[in-house]
């Protein structure tokens, strides 16, 4: 293992000694300086997680969150210089974190908050004009091959829990005491202009949008759920400028 890799590994493992070969310009003890640096790295990464997951922190309290986040940091080093992406695996970590077991919805709340980060940083893609979609839908003989391209920011989260209501209660519109966390909710996250939007959708709409995102044709995606209100779902996608490409496979 290279000296750089050993240094990075020791930063996140407090039981490991200061790496050999370190020198300090002013002659002070390298181990003491390394301990300070190690603590600063840990605190900075925990702070980054707290910024990305404010509702998760609010649900468990700051002390619990920071203790949990510190354990996450020690086993999940950043894979990118962009701290906005740090914490992509936190939801999976929470799902298997026994002290959080009394809050089974917590992992999905983390998934929702990370989806909002991804939506904010997604690429800009122009929507197709609504007239173009209308013209495409007016060709029944070609509908079997029609595929929709959706905005890169659009994500679907289908949860067994009331993740949208729990999240919204910390934004102001809802009273947390009125939320039954065991009510399943399907959530859409996307960016409209510079604004990240988070809304609920019917399970059928969620299934349809997810199938379209996975590359299924319009008709195949629409036939997966008999409860789907296709006109209403398409109208919502058009209003929010989320249909960005029409492909007949020509």
Protein backbone atom coordinates (compact mmCIF):
# COMPACT_ATOMS: atom_id res chain seq x y z
CA UNK A 1 0.00 0.00 0.00
CA UNK A 2 1.33 3.43 -0.92
CA UNK A 3 2.25 6.02 1.70
CA UNK A 4 -0.67 8.17 0.52
CA UNK A 5 -3.13 5.28 0.95
CA UNK A 6 -1.78 4.50 4.42
CA UNK A 7 -2.15 8.17 5.37
CA UNK A 8 -5.76 8.28 4.15
CA UNK A 9 -6.61 5.01 5.90
CA UNK A 10 -5.16 6.20 9.21
CA UNK A 11 -7.16 9.43 8.99
CA UNK A 12 -10.44 7.56 9.41
CA UNK A 13 -9.25 4.93 11.88
CA UNK A 14 -8.55 6.51 15.28
CA UNK A 15 -7.03 3.27 16.63
CA UNK A 16 -4.28 3.36 14.02
CA UNK A 17 -1.04 5.12 14.89
CA UNK A 18 0.33 8.13 13.13
CA UNK A 19 1.84 6.98 9.80
CA UNK A 20 5.61 6.67 9.73
CA UNK A 21 7.73 9.21 7.97
CA UNK A 22 5.69 12.35 8.74
CA UNK A 23 7.70 15.52 9.31
CA UNK A 24 6.49 18.83 10.78
CA UNK A 25 8.04 22.07 9.61
CA UNK A 26 8.31 23.62 13.10
CA UNK A 27 9.70 20.55 14.86
CA UNK A 28 6.56 19.75 16.87
CA UNK A 29 5.32 16.21 17.46
CA UNK A 30 3.92 14.77 14.18
CA UNK A 31 1.57 12.46 16.09
CA UNK A 32 -0.09 15.40 17.85
CA UNK A 33 -0.45 17.36 14.63
CA UNK A 34 -1.84 14.31 12.85
CA UNK A 35 -4.40 13.80 15.63
CA UNK A 36 -5.63 17.36 15.16
CA UNK A 37 -5.83 16.89 11.40
CA UNK A 38 -7.64 13.56 11.83
CA UNK A 39 -10.23 15.18 14.08
CA UNK A 40 -10.76 18.06 11.64
CA UNK A 41 -11.35 15.63 8.77
CA UNK A 42 -13.89 13.65 10.80
CA UNK A 43 -15.75 16.77 11.91
CA UNK A 44 -15.78 18.19 8.38
CA UNK A 45 -17.26 15.02 6.90
CA UNK A 46 -19.87 14.74 9.65
CA UNK A 47 -20.76 18.40 9.05
CA UNK A 48 -21.15 17.65 5.33
CA UNK A 49 -23.57 14.81 6.13
CA UNK A 50 -25.55 17.06 8.48
CA UNK A 51 -25.90 19.60 5.66
CA UNK A 52 -27.13 16.98 3.19
CA UNK A 53 -29.46 15.16 5.62
CA UNK A 54 -31.07 17.84 7.83
CA UNK A 55 -34.38 16.00 8.22
CA UNK A 56 -32.66 12.75 9.18
CA UNK A 57 -30.76 14.71 11.82
CA UNK A 58 -33.95 16.39 13.04
CA UNK A 59 -35.72 13.04 13.37
CA UNK A 60 -33.03 11.46 15.55
CA UNK A 61 -31.53 14.52 17.23
CA UNK A 62 -28.14 16.09 16.65
CA UNK A 63 -26.23 13.99 19.18
CA UNK A 64 -27.47 10.66 17.79
CA UNK A 65 -26.99 11.79 14.21
CA UNK A 66 -23.40 12.92 14.71
CA UNK A 67 -22.50 9.71 16.53
CA UNK A 68 -24.04 7.64 13.73
CA UNK A 69 -22.43 9.81 11.06
CA UNK A 70 -19.01 9.42 12.69
CA UNK A 71 -19.32 5.63 12.47
CA UNK A 72 -20.34 5.96 8.82
CA UNK A 73 -17.38 8.22 8.05
CA UNK A 74 -14.90 5.74 9.50
CA UNK A 75 -16.06 3.01 7.12
CA UNK A 76 -16.99 5.10 4.06
CA UNK A 77 -14.25 7.40 2.83
CA UNK A 78 -15.17 10.03 0.22
CA UNK A 79 -14.88 8.75 -3.34
CA UNK A 80 -15.08 12.21 -4.92
CA UNK A 81 -13.59 15.59 -4.21
CA UNK A 82 -17.16 16.97 -4.44
CA UNK A 83 -18.60 16.76 -0.93
CA UNK A 84 -22.13 17.19 -2.26
CA UNK A 85 -21.97 13.53 -3.34
CA UNK A 86 -20.72 12.31 0.02
CA UNK A 87 -23.31 10.25 1.83
CA UNK A 88 -24.79 8.45 -1.18
CA UNK A 89 -24.48 5.21 0.84
CA UNK A 90 -25.79 6.61 4.12
CA UNK A 91 -29.34 5.28 3.57
CA UNK A 92 -28.04 1.72 3.17
CA UNK A 93 -25.88 2.20 6.27
CA UNK A 94 -28.89 3.41 8.28
CA UNK A 95 -30.96 0.45 7.09
CA UNK A 96 -28.53 -1.90 8.86
CA UNK A 97 -27.72 0.36 11.83
CA UNK A 98 -29.35 -1.39 14.78
CA UNK A 99 -29.61 1.66 17.09
CA UNK A 100 -31.89 3.26 14.45
CA UNK A 101 -34.08 0.18 14.19
CA UNK A 102 -37.01 1.83 15.98
CA UNK A 103 -37.28 4.29 13.06
CA UNK A 104 -37.71 1.99 10.06
CA UNK A 105 -38.55 4.94 7.79
CA UNK A 106 -35.28 6.74 8.48
CA UNK A 107 -33.35 5.13 5.60
CA UNK A 108 -35.98 6.18 3.06
CA UNK A 109 -35.97 9.74 4.41
CA UNK A 110 -32.22 9.71 3.77
CA UNK A 111 -32.87 8.43 0.23
CA UNK A 112 -35.28 11.30 -0.34
CA UNK A 113 -32.80 13.90 0.87
CA UNK A 114 -30.02 12.45 -1.29
CA UNK A 115 -32.38 12.44 -4.28
CA UNK A 116 -32.87 16.17 -3.80
CA UNK A 117 -29.10 16.68 -3.93
CA UNK A 118 -28.83 14.64 -7.13
CA UNK A 119 -31.73 16.58 -8.66
CA UNK A 120 -30.11 19.92 -7.86
CA UNK A 121 -26.84 18.92 -9.55
CA UNK A 122 -28.39 17.11 -12.54
CA UNK A 123 -27.68 18.31 -16.06
CA UNK A 124 -29.84 20.91 -17.76
CA UNK A 125 -31.87 19.48 -20.65
CA UNK A 126 -34.55 21.39 -22.54
CA UNK A 127 -38.08 20.02 -22.61
CA UNK A 128 -39.76 19.06 -25.86
CA UNK A 129 -42.65 21.35 -26.82
CA UNK A 130 -46.03 20.06 -25.73
CA UNK A 131 -47.14 20.25 -29.38
CA UNK A 132 -44.47 17.69 -30.27
CA UNK A 133 -45.81 15.24 -27.71
CA UNK A 134 -49.36 15.79 -28.92
CA UNK A 135 -48.26 15.08 -32.49
CA UNK A 136 -46.49 11.90 -31.40
CA UNK A 137 -49.54 10.66 -29.49
CA UNK A 138 -51.69 11.33 -32.56
CA UNK A 139 -49.89 8.55 -34.47
CA UNK A 140 -51.48 5.38 -33.04
CA UNK A 141 -49.70 3.15 -35.56
CA UNK A 142 -46.34 4.24 -34.09
CA UNK A 143 -47.16 4.32 -30.38
CA UNK A 144 -45.83 0.80 -29.76
CA UNK A 145 -42.30 2.05 -30.47
CA UNK A 146 -42.53 5.47 -28.79
CA UNK A 147 -40.12 6.02 -25.93
CA UNK A 148 -39.97 9.15 -23.80
CA UNK A 149 -36.76 10.69 -22.57
CA UNK A 150 -37.22 12.25 -19.14
CA UNK A 151 -35.25 14.97 -17.40
CA UNK A 152 -32.01 13.72 -15.78
CA UNK A 153 -33.10 15.13 -12.42
CA UNK A 154 -36.31 13.07 -12.23
CA UNK A 155 -36.30 10.29 -9.63
CA UNK A 156 -39.00 8.08 -8.12
CA UNK A 157 -38.97 6.88 -4.53
CA UNK A 158 -41.65 4.33 -3.66
CA UNK A 159 -41.59 3.82 0.09
CA UNK A 160 -43.56 1.73 2.56
CA UNK A 161 -43.47 4.79 4.79
CA UNK A 162 -44.74 8.37 4.73
CA UNK A 163 -41.39 9.78 3.67
CA UNK A 164 -42.81 12.81 1.88
CA UNK A 165 -45.02 13.77 4.84
CA UNK A 166 -42.11 13.31 7.27
CA UNK A 167 -39.91 15.48 5.06
CA UNK A 168 -42.65 18.10 4.49
CA UNK A 169 -43.35 18.35 8.21
CA UNK A 170 -39.82 19.70 8.63
CA UNK A 171 -40.33 22.27 5.86
CA UNK A 172 -43.38 23.86 7.51
CA UNK A 173 -46.55 22.78 5.65
CA UNK A 174 -47.40 19.79 7.88
CA UNK A 175 -47.51 19.14 11.60
CA UNK A 176 -45.22 16.23 12.42
CA UNK A 177 -47.61 15.01 15.11
CA UNK A 178 -50.29 14.49 12.43
CA UNK A 179 -48.10 12.22 10.27
CA UNK A 180 -48.62 8.47 10.39
CA UNK A 181 -45.18 7.24 9.31
CA UNK A 182 -46.51 3.80 8.39
CA UNK A 183 -48.56 5.10 5.43
CA UNK A 184 -46.88 4.21 2.14
CA UNK A 185 -46.03 7.12 -0.16
CA UNK A 186 -44.59 7.46 -3.65
CA UNK A 187 -42.46 10.56 -4.16
CA UNK A 188 -41.19 12.35 -7.25
CA UNK A 189 -38.07 14.48 -7.01
CA UNK A 190 -36.99 16.69 -9.91
CA UNK A 191 -35.67 20.13 -10.77
CA UNK A 192 -37.81 22.71 -12.51
CA UNK A 193 -35.49 25.51 -13.55
CA UNK A 194 -33.31 26.11 -10.48
CA UNK A 195 -35.93 24.86 -8.02
CA UNK A 196 -35.86 21.29 -6.72
CA UNK A 197 -39.43 20.02 -6.43
CA UNK A 198 -40.59 17.19 -4.16
CA UNK A 199 -44.14 15.94 -4.67
CA UNK A 200 -46.26 12.88 -4.05
CA UNK A 201 -47.61 10.73 -6.86
CA UNK A 202 -49.92 7.76 -7.11
CA UNK A 203 -48.20 4.36 -6.99
CA UNK A 204 -49.35 3.76 -10.57
CA UNK A 205 -47.75 7.01 -11.78
CA UNK A 206 -44.59 6.08 -9.95
CA UNK A 207 -44.49 2.66 -11.62
CA UNK A 208 -45.04 4.25 -15.03
CA UNK A 209 -42.35 6.90 -14.63
CA UNK A 210 -39.84 4.38 -13.30
CA UNK A 211 -40.51 2.07 -16.26
CA UNK A 212 -40.01 4.97 -18.68
CA UNK A 213 -36.76 5.90 -16.95
CA UNK A 214 -35.63 2.30 -17.41
CA UNK A 215 -36.17 2.59 -21.16
CA UNK A 216 -39.54 0.89 -21.63
CA UNK A 217 -41.81 2.13 -24.39
CA UNK A 218 -44.76 4.34 -23.57
CA UNK A 219 -47.29 1.55 -24.15
CA UNK A 220 -45.32 -1.06 -22.20
CA UNK A 221 -44.88 1.29 -19.25
CA UNK A 222 -48.54 2.30 -19.33
CA UNK A 223 -49.79 -1.30 -19.39
CA UNK A 224 -47.95 -2.29 -16.22
CA UNK A 225 -50.61 -0.90 -13.87
CA UNK A 226 -54.35 -0.78 -14.59
CA UNK A 227 -54.82 2.03 -12.05
CA UNK A 228 -52.68 4.43 -14.09
CA UNK A 229 -54.26 7.70 -15.16
CA UNK A 230 -52.02 8.16 -18.19
CA UNK A 231 -53.39 11.54 -19.38
CA UNK A 232 -52.97 13.07 -15.92
CA UNK A 233 -49.46 11.66 -15.54
CA UNK A 234 -48.35 12.89 -18.95
CA UNK A 235 -49.93 16.30 -18.27
CA UNK A 236 -47.92 16.59 -15.06
CA UNK A 237 -44.70 15.66 -16.85
CA UNK A 238 -45.42 18.27 -19.52
CA UNK A 239 -46.31 21.01 -17.02
CA UNK A 240 -43.08 20.42 -15.13
CA UNK A 241 -41.04 20.31 -18.38
CA UNK A 242 -39.80 16.81 -17.63
CA UNK A 243 -40.22 15.21 -21.10
CA UNK A 244 -37.01 15.99 -22.93
CA UNK A 245 -36.91 13.58 -25.85
CA UNK A 246 -39.26 11.59 -28.10
CA UNK A 247 -37.89 8.48 -29.80
CA UNK A 248 -39.71 6.25 -32.27
CA UNK A 249 -36.61 4.15 -32.83
CA UNK A 250 -36.25 5.37 -36.40
